[in-house]
Amino acid sequence: MAGGPPDYNQGYDPRPPPGYNQGAGYQQGYGQPAPPGYGQPGPYPMMMPVAVPPKKDNTVTIVVVVVVVVIMLVIIIPMALSFMFMSQMQSMPQSGGTVETQLGTRIEKTSSDWIVSVTAGSNDAPSSMYVQVVDANTGAKTVNARLTSGPTSDFQYNDNNANGKIDAGDSILLKGSSSNIKSGYRFQLQKGESILAGPRELP
């Protein structure tokens, strides 16, 4: 329509003018190049150092182990020495003379008797020994006689190598005809307060 108002939005440019909203930071003007680095990511923030845990001190543990080992040695060594000393004392004679040795024995049942054979050890004083047979149920000694008392109704000692000692090769015959000796009873040789052979159960 001639002479009328211009068309609506005639000449409208939607782009903001150069320098618009300058307080909010840089705004690229229409047709102007961006400054160097614009739009690029900024520098990374500084990394804080990682704390390294302190190294564990093993001194206390080592000291404890050393103390335990020392205590064990202090206890065990004297006990071992005491045991060796007591073992040697048991083999010493009660009043001088030769050393007494524990006698090893073996018991065999024959058709009617028992033969006690000396298999190891030696003693120079058989006359001071006692042949003992003990009732296992009551603890009573049914036989208690000197070894060299000669043949008795209960036993007979045989010094088979005739050297005046009781040692390997000698034997003691326990008579089955004796009412004091039965299967299940225990045989032993005693000298003073020491048991030199046995106790061994009669088969």
C-alpha atoms as a PDB file:
ATOM      1  CA  MET A   1       0.000   0.000   0.000  1.00  0.00           C
ATOM      2  CA  ALA A   2       1.652   3.226  -1.161  1.00  0.00           C
ATOM      3  CA  GLY A   3       2.597   5.712   1.565  1.00  0.00           C
ATOM      4  CA  GLY A   4       1.641   3.283   4.318  1.00  0.00           C
ATOM      5  CA  PRO A   5       3.833   2.015   7.189  1.00  0.00           C
ATOM      6  CA  PRO A   6       6.759  -0.284   6.425  1.00  0.00           C
ATOM      7  CA  ASP A   7       6.328  -4.010   6.519  1.00  0.00           C
ATOM      8  CA  TYR A   8       6.621  -5.572  10.003  1.00  0.00           C
ATOM      9  CA  ASN A   9      10.214  -6.373  10.967  1.00  0.00           C
ATOM     10  CA  GLN A  10      11.492  -4.876   7.804  1.00  0.00           C
ATOM     11  CA  GLY A  11      15.255  -4.477   8.079  1.00  0.00           C
ATOM     12  CA  TYR A  12      15.489  -6.471  11.410  1.00  0.00           C
ATOM     13  CA  ASP A  13      18.900  -8.055  12.019  1.00  0.00           C
ATOM     14  CA  PRO A  14      18.793 -10.813  14.736  1.00  0.00           C
ATOM     15  CA  ARG A  15      22.559 -10.620  15.413  1.00  0.00           C
ATOM     16  CA  PRO A  16      23.582  -8.495  18.431  1.00  0.00           C
ATOM     17  CA  PRO A  17      25.560  -5.394  17.689  1.00  0.00           C
ATOM     18  CA  PRO A  18      29.325  -5.409  18.315  1.00  0.00           C
ATOM     19  CA  GLY A  19      30.292  -5.097  21.994  1.00  0.00           C
ATOM     20  CA  TYR A  20      26.913  -6.319  23.298  1.00  0.00           C
ATOM     21  CA  ASN A  21      26.971  -7.456  26.950  1.00  0.00           C
ATOM     22  CA  GLN A  22      30.599  -6.424  27.432  1.00  0.00           C
ATOM     23  CA  GLY A  23      30.401  -6.851  31.212  1.00  0.00           C
ATOM     24  CA  ALA A  24      29.803 -10.595  30.837  1.00  0.00           C
ATOM     25  CA  GLY A  25      33.080 -11.177  29.041  1.00  0.00           C
ATOM     26  CA  TYR A  26      34.210 -11.055  25.500  1.00  0.00           C
ATOM     27  CA  GLN A  27      31.489 -11.145  22.905  1.00  0.00           C
ATOM     28  CA  GLN A  28      32.600 -11.645  19.381  1.00  0.00           C
ATOM     29  CA  GLY A  29      31.335  -8.869  17.206  1.00  0.00           C
ATOM     30  CA  TYR A  30      29.734  -9.636  13.970  1.00  0.00           C
ATOM     31  CA  GLY A  31      32.391 -10.199  11.403  1.00  0.00           C
ATOM     32  CA  GLN A  32      35.238  -9.870  13.959  1.00  0.00           C
ATOM     33  CA  PRO A  33      37.772 -12.699  14.548  1.00  0.00           C
ATOM     34  CA  ALA A  34      38.016 -14.314  18.007  1.00  0.00           C
ATOM     35  CA  PRO A  35      41.124 -13.485  20.037  1.00  0.00           C
ATOM     36  CA  PRO A  36      43.888 -16.124  20.277  1.00  0.00           C
ATOM     37  CA  GLY A  37      43.013 -18.984  22.637  1.00  0.00           C
ATOM     38  CA  TYR A  38      39.354 -18.110  22.766  1.00  0.00           C
ATOM     39  CA  GLY A  39      37.228 -21.189  23.207  1.00  0.00           C
ATOM     40  CA  GLN A  40      40.246 -23.374  24.176  1.00  0.00           C
ATOM     41  CA  PRO A  41      40.234 -25.284  27.512  1.00  0.00           C
ATOM     42  CA  GLY A  42      42.032 -23.550  30.338  1.00  0.00           C
ATOM     43  CA  PRO A  43      45.015 -25.022  32.227  1.00  0.00           C
ATOM     44  CA  TYR A  44      44.405 -28.101  34.419  1.00  0.00           C
ATOM     45  CA  PRO A  45      44.233 -27.431  38.150  1.00  0.00           C
ATOM     46  CA  MET A  46      47.389 -28.150  40.156  1.00  0.00           C
ATOM     47  CA  MET A  47      47.484 -31.735  41.529  1.00  0.00           C
ATOM     48  CA  MET A  48      48.019 -32.038  45.259  1.00  0.00           C
ATOM     49  CA  PRO A  49      50.910 -34.372  46.253  1.00  0.00           C
ATOM     50  CA  VAL A  50      49.829 -37.844  47.407  1.00  0.00           C
ATOM     51  CA  ALA A  51      50.727 -38.575  51.024  1.00  0.00           C
ATOM     52  CA  VAL A  52      52.947 -41.691  51.308  1.00  0.00           C
ATOM     53  CA  PRO A  53      52.323 -43.728  54.498  1.00  0.00           C
ATOM     54  CA  PRO A  54      55.355 -43.973  56.781  1.00  0.00           C
ATOM     55  CA  LYS A  55      57.397 -47.182  56.606  1.00  0.00           C
ATOM     56  CA  LYS A  56      56.479 -49.690  59.311  1.00  0.00           C
ATOM     57  CA  ASP A  57      59.101 -50.120  62.001  1.00  0.00           C
ATOM     58  CA  ASN A  58      59.766 -53.836  62.742  1.00  0.00           C
ATOM     59  CA  THR A  59      62.202 -53.164  65.569  1.00  0.00           C
ATOM     60  CA  VAL A  60      59.694 -54.029  68.291  1.00  0.00           C
ATOM     61  CA  THR A  61      58.796 -57.349  66.640  1.00  0.00           C
ATOM     62  CA  ILE A  62      62.449 -58.342  66.291  1.00  0.00           C
ATOM     63  CA  VAL A  63      63.140 -57.499  69.927  1.00  0.00           C
ATOM     64  CA  VAL A  64      60.182 -59.610  71.100  1.00  0.00           C
ATOM     65  CA  VAL A  65      61.335 -62.614  69.030  1.00  0.00           C
ATOM     66  CA  VAL A  66      64.880 -62.337  70.397  1.00  0.00           C
ATOM     67  CA  VAL A  67      63.602 -62.162  73.982  1.00  0.00           C
ATOM     68  CA  VAL A  68      61.400 -65.257  73.492  1.00  0.00           C
ATOM     69  CA  VAL A  69      64.292 -67.243  71.997  1.00  0.00           C
ATOM     70  CA  VAL A  70      66.610 -66.250  74.862  1.00  0.00           C
ATOM     71  CA  ILE A  71      64.012 -67.264  77.467  1.00  0.00           C
ATOM     72  CA  MET A  72      63.506 -70.645  75.778  1.00  0.00           C
ATOM     73  CA  LEU A  73      67.254 -71.286  75.715  1.00  0.00           C
ATOM     74  CA  VAL A  74      67.602 -70.279  79.362  1.00  0.00           C
ATOM     75  CA  ILE A  75      64.884 -72.772  80.339  1.00  0.00           C
ATOM     76  CA  ILE A  76      65.561 -75.680  77.965  1.00  0.00           C
ATOM     77  CA  ILE A  77      69.356 -75.886  78.290  1.00  0.00           C
ATOM     78  CA  PRO A  78      69.379 -76.209  82.119  1.00  0.00           C
ATOM     79  CA  MET A  79      66.601 -78.807  81.934  1.00  0.00           C
ATOM     80  CA  ALA A  80      68.560 -80.868  79.400  1.00  0.00           C
ATOM     81  CA  LEU A  81      71.729 -80.642  81.493  1.00  0.00           C
ATOM     82  CA  SER A  82      69.805 -81.640  84.626  1.00  0.00           C
ATOM     83  CA  PHE A  83      68.334 -84.650  82.841  1.00  0.00           C
ATOM     84  CA  MET A  84      71.785 -85.792  81.694  1.00  0.00           C
ATOM     85  CA  PHE A  85      73.198 -85.305  85.179  1.00  0.00           C
ATOM     86  CA  MET A  86      70.387 -87.315  86.804  1.00  0.00           C
ATOM     87  CA  SER A  87      70.839 -90.118  84.272  1.00  0.00           C
ATOM     88  CA  GLN A  88      74.521 -90.365  85.123  1.00  0.00           C
ATOM     89  CA  MET A  89      73.827 -90.249  88.857  1.00  0.00           C
ATOM     90  CA  GLN A  90      71.438 -93.181  88.581  1.00  0.00           C
ATOM     91  CA  SER A  91      74.197 -95.306  87.068  1.00  0.00           C
ATOM     92  CA  MET A  92      76.739 -94.473  89.799  1.00  0.00           C
ATOM     93  CA  PRO A  93      77.317 -96.964  92.627  1.00  0.00           C
ATOM     94  CA  GLN A  94      75.720 -96.177  95.977  1.00  0.00           C
ATOM     95  CA  SER A  95      78.974 -96.505  97.971  1.00  0.00           C
ATOM     96  CA  GLY A  96      81.896 -96.455  95.560  1.00  0.00           C
ATOM     97  CA  GLY A  97      83.160 -99.337  93.451  1.00  0.00           C
ATOM     98  CA  THR A  98      82.240-100.112  89.902  1.00  0.00           C
ATOM     99  CA  VAL A  99      79.452 -98.451  87.969  1.00  0.00           C
ATOM    100  CA  GLU A 100      76.133-100.274  88.030  1.00  0.00           C
ATOM    101  CA  THR A 101      74.370-100.778  84.739  1.00  0.00           C
ATOM    102  CA  GLN A 102      70.708-101.395  84.180  1.00  0.00           C
ATOM    103  CA  LEU A 103      70.248-105.024  83.192  1.00  0.00           C
ATOM    104  CA  GLY A 104      68.320-105.973  80.100  1.00  0.00           C
ATOM    105  CA  THR A 105      66.242-109.136  80.402  1.00  0.00           C
ATOM    106  CA  ARG A 106      64.053-111.402  78.290  1.00  0.00           C
ATOM    107  CA  ILE A 107      61.444-113.781  79.734  1.00  0.00           C
ATOM    108  CA  GLU A 108      60.411-116.987  77.955  1.00  0.00           C
ATOM    109  CA  LYS A 109      57.754-119.470  79.034  1.00  0.00           C
ATOM    110  CA  THR A 110      58.591-123.133  78.784  1.00  0.00           C
ATOM    111  CA  SER A 111      56.159-125.986  79.247  1.00  0.00           C
ATOM    112  CA  SER A 112      56.233-125.561  83.015  1.00  0.00           C
ATOM    113  CA  ASP A 113      58.738-122.854  83.987  1.00  0.00           C
ATOM    114  CA  TRP A 114      59.968-119.376  83.032  1.00  0.00           C
ATOM    115  CA  ILE A 115      63.527-118.576  81.961  1.00  0.00           C
ATOM    116  CA  VAL A 116      64.753-115.029  82.589  1.00  0.00           C
ATOM    117  CA  SER A 117      67.767-114.387  80.333  1.00  0.00           C
ATOM    118  CA  VAL A 118      70.101-111.442  80.900  1.00  0.00           C
ATOM    119  CA  THR A 119      70.606-109.817  77.497  1.00  0.00           C
ATOM    120  CA  ALA A 120      72.584-106.662  78.353  1.00  0.00           C
ATOM    121  CA  GLY A 121      74.376-104.905  81.182  1.00  0.00           C
ATOM    122  CA  SER A 122      76.582-106.126  83.986  1.00  0.00           C
ATOM    123  CA  ASN A 123      76.830-105.949  87.773  1.00  0.00           C
ATOM    124  CA  ASP A 124      79.745-107.029  89.926  1.00  0.00           C
ATOM    125  CA  ALA A 125      77.755-107.724  93.075  1.00  0.00           C
ATOM    126  CA  PRO A 126      74.968-110.218  92.403  1.00  0.00           C
ATOM    127  CA  SER A 127      75.030-111.301  96.059  1.00  0.00           C
ATOM    128  CA  SER A 128      73.479-107.970  97.033  1.00  0.00           C
ATOM    129  CA  MET A 129      70.546-108.429  94.618  1.00  0.00           C
ATOM    130  CA  TYR A 130      67.143-109.808  95.406  1.00  0.00           C
ATOM    131  CA  VAL A 131      64.946-111.838  93.093  1.00  0.00           C
ATOM    132  CA  GLN A 132      61.415-110.548  93.507  1.00  0.00           C
ATOM    133  CA  VAL A 133      58.099-111.733  92.119  1.00  0.00           C
ATOM    134  CA  VAL A 134      55.176-109.378  92.698  1.00  0.00           C
ATOM    135  CA  ASP A 135      51.477-110.135  92.599  1.00  0.00           C
ATOM    136  CA  ALA A 136      50.173-107.549  90.137  1.00  0.00           C
ATOM    137  CA  ASN A 137      46.735-107.478  91.784  1.00  0.00           C
ATOM    138  CA  THR A 138      47.814-106.898  95.378  1.00  0.00           C
ATOM    139  CA  GLY A 139      51.365-105.574  95.023  1.00  0.00           C
ATOM    140  CA  ALA A 140      52.585-108.197  97.497  1.00  0.00           C
ATOM    141  CA  LYS A 141      56.019-109.749  96.980  1.00  0.00           C
ATOM    142  CA  THR A 142      55.439-113.497  96.759  1.00  0.00           C
ATOM    143  CA  VAL A 143      59.187-114.090  96.216  1.00  0.00           C
ATOM    144  CA  ASN A 144      61.919-111.956  97.805  1.00  0.00           C
ATOM    145  CA  ALA A 145      65.237-113.817  98.149  1.00  0.00           C
ATOM    146  CA  ARG A 146      68.923-113.170  97.508  1.00  0.00           C
ATOM    147  CA  LEU A 147      70.110-113.997  94.030  1.00  0.00           C
ATOM    148  CA  THR A 148      73.038-116.172  95.154  1.00  0.00           C
ATOM    149  CA  SER A 149      71.191-118.073  97.835  1.00  0.00           C
ATOM    150  CA  GLY A 150      71.412-121.186  95.661  1.00  0.00           C
ATOM    151  CA  PRO A 151      68.573-123.216  94.251  1.00  0.00           C
ATOM    152  CA  THR A 152      65.333-122.642  96.098  1.00  0.00           C
ATOM    153  CA  SER A 153      61.803-123.874  95.685  1.00  0.00           C
ATOM    154  CA  ASP A 154      61.099-120.716  93.674  1.00  0.00           C
ATOM    155  CA  PHE A 155      64.105-120.131  91.380  1.00  0.00           C
ATOM    156  CA  GLN A 156      67.653-121.080  90.410  1.00  0.00           C
ATOM    157  CA  TYR A 157      70.372-118.633  89.309  1.00  0.00           C
ATOM    158  CA  ASN A 158      72.814-119.802  86.623  1.00  0.00           C
ATOM    159  CA  ASP A 159      76.114-117.930  86.238  1.00  0.00           C
ATOM    160  CA  ASN A 160      76.648-119.408  82.808  1.00  0.00           C
ATOM    161  CA  ASN A 161      80.010-117.742  82.112  1.00  0.00           C
ATOM    162  CA  ALA A 162      81.265-118.319  85.697  1.00  0.00           C
ATOM    163  CA  ASN A 163      82.764-114.837  86.119  1.00  0.00           C
ATOM    164  CA  GLY A 164      81.165-113.962  89.431  1.00  0.00           C
ATOM    165  CA  LYS A 165      79.056-111.266  87.792  1.00  0.00           C
ATOM    166  CA  ILE A 166      75.512-111.111  86.602  1.00  0.00           C
ATOM    167  CA  ASP A 167      75.749-110.093  82.978  1.00  0.00           C
ATOM    168  CA  ALA A 168      74.701-111.007  79.443  1.00  0.00           C
ATOM    169  CA  GLY A 169      74.497-114.777  79.077  1.00  0.00           C
ATOM    170  CA  ASP A 170      73.386-115.513  82.646  1.00  0.00           C
ATOM    171  CA  SER A 171      69.867-116.747  83.402  1.00  0.00           C
ATOM    172  CA  ILE A 172      67.393-117.268  86.228  1.00  0.00           C
ATOM    173  CA  LEU A 173      64.977-120.190  86.182  1.00  0.00           C
ATOM    174  CA  LEU A 174      61.619-119.392  87.782  1.00  0.00           C
ATOM    175  CA  LYS A 175      59.948-122.654  88.768  1.00  0.00           C
ATOM    176  CA  GLY A 176      56.392-123.238  87.685  1.00  0.00           C
ATOM    177  CA  SER A 177      56.011-125.735  90.523  1.00  0.00           C
ATOM    178  CA  SER A 178      56.117-122.849  93.016  1.00  0.00           C
ATOM    179  CA  SER A 179      52.777-121.547  94.232  1.00  0.00           C
ATOM    180  CA  ASN A 180      54.426-118.124  94.572  1.00  0.00           C
ATOM    181  CA  ILE A 181      54.953-117.700  90.820  1.00  0.00           C
ATOM    182  CA  LYS A 182      52.107-117.408  88.323  1.00  0.00           C
ATOM    183  CA  SER A 183      51.465-115.981  84.888  1.00  0.00           C
ATOM    184  CA  GLY A 184      50.601-112.294  85.166  1.00  0.00           C
ATOM    185  CA  TYR A 185      52.910-111.782  88.146  1.00  0.00           C
ATOM    186  CA  ARG A 186      55.873-109.437  87.678  1.00  0.00           C
ATOM    187  CA  PHE A 187      59.567-110.292  87.924  1.00  0.00           C
ATOM    188  CA  GLN A 188      62.257-107.817  88.953  1.00  0.00           C
ATOM    189  CA  LEU A 189      65.794-107.642  90.371  1.00  0.00           C
ATOM    190  CA  GLN A 190      66.284-105.144  93.156  1.00  0.00           C
ATOM    191  CA  LYS A 191      69.466-103.835  94.750  1.00  0.00           C
ATOM    192  CA  GLY A 192      69.037-101.480  97.662  1.00  0.00           C
ATOM    193  CA  GLU A 193      66.419 -98.967  96.571  1.00  0.00           C
ATOM    194  CA  SER A 194      67.103 -99.446  92.846  1.00  0.00           C
ATOM    195  CA  ILE A 195      65.363-101.769  90.415  1.00  0.00           C
ATOM    196  CA  LEU A 196      68.147-103.095  88.159  1.00  0.00           C
ATOM    197  CA  ALA A 197      65.949-105.303  85.978  1.00  0.00           C
ATOM    198  CA  GLY A 198      62.228-105.245  85.291  1.00  0.00           C
ATOM    199  CA  PRO A 199      59.553-105.176  86.362  1.00  0.00           C
ATOM    200  CA  ARG A 200      58.456-107.514  83.575  1.00  0.00           C
ATOM    201  CA  GLU A 201      55.224-109.448  83.415  1.00  0.00           C
ATOM    202  CA  LEU A 202      55.431-113.228  83.302  1.00  0.00           C
ATOM    203  CA  PRO A 203      53.717-114.596  80.177  1.00  0.00           C
END
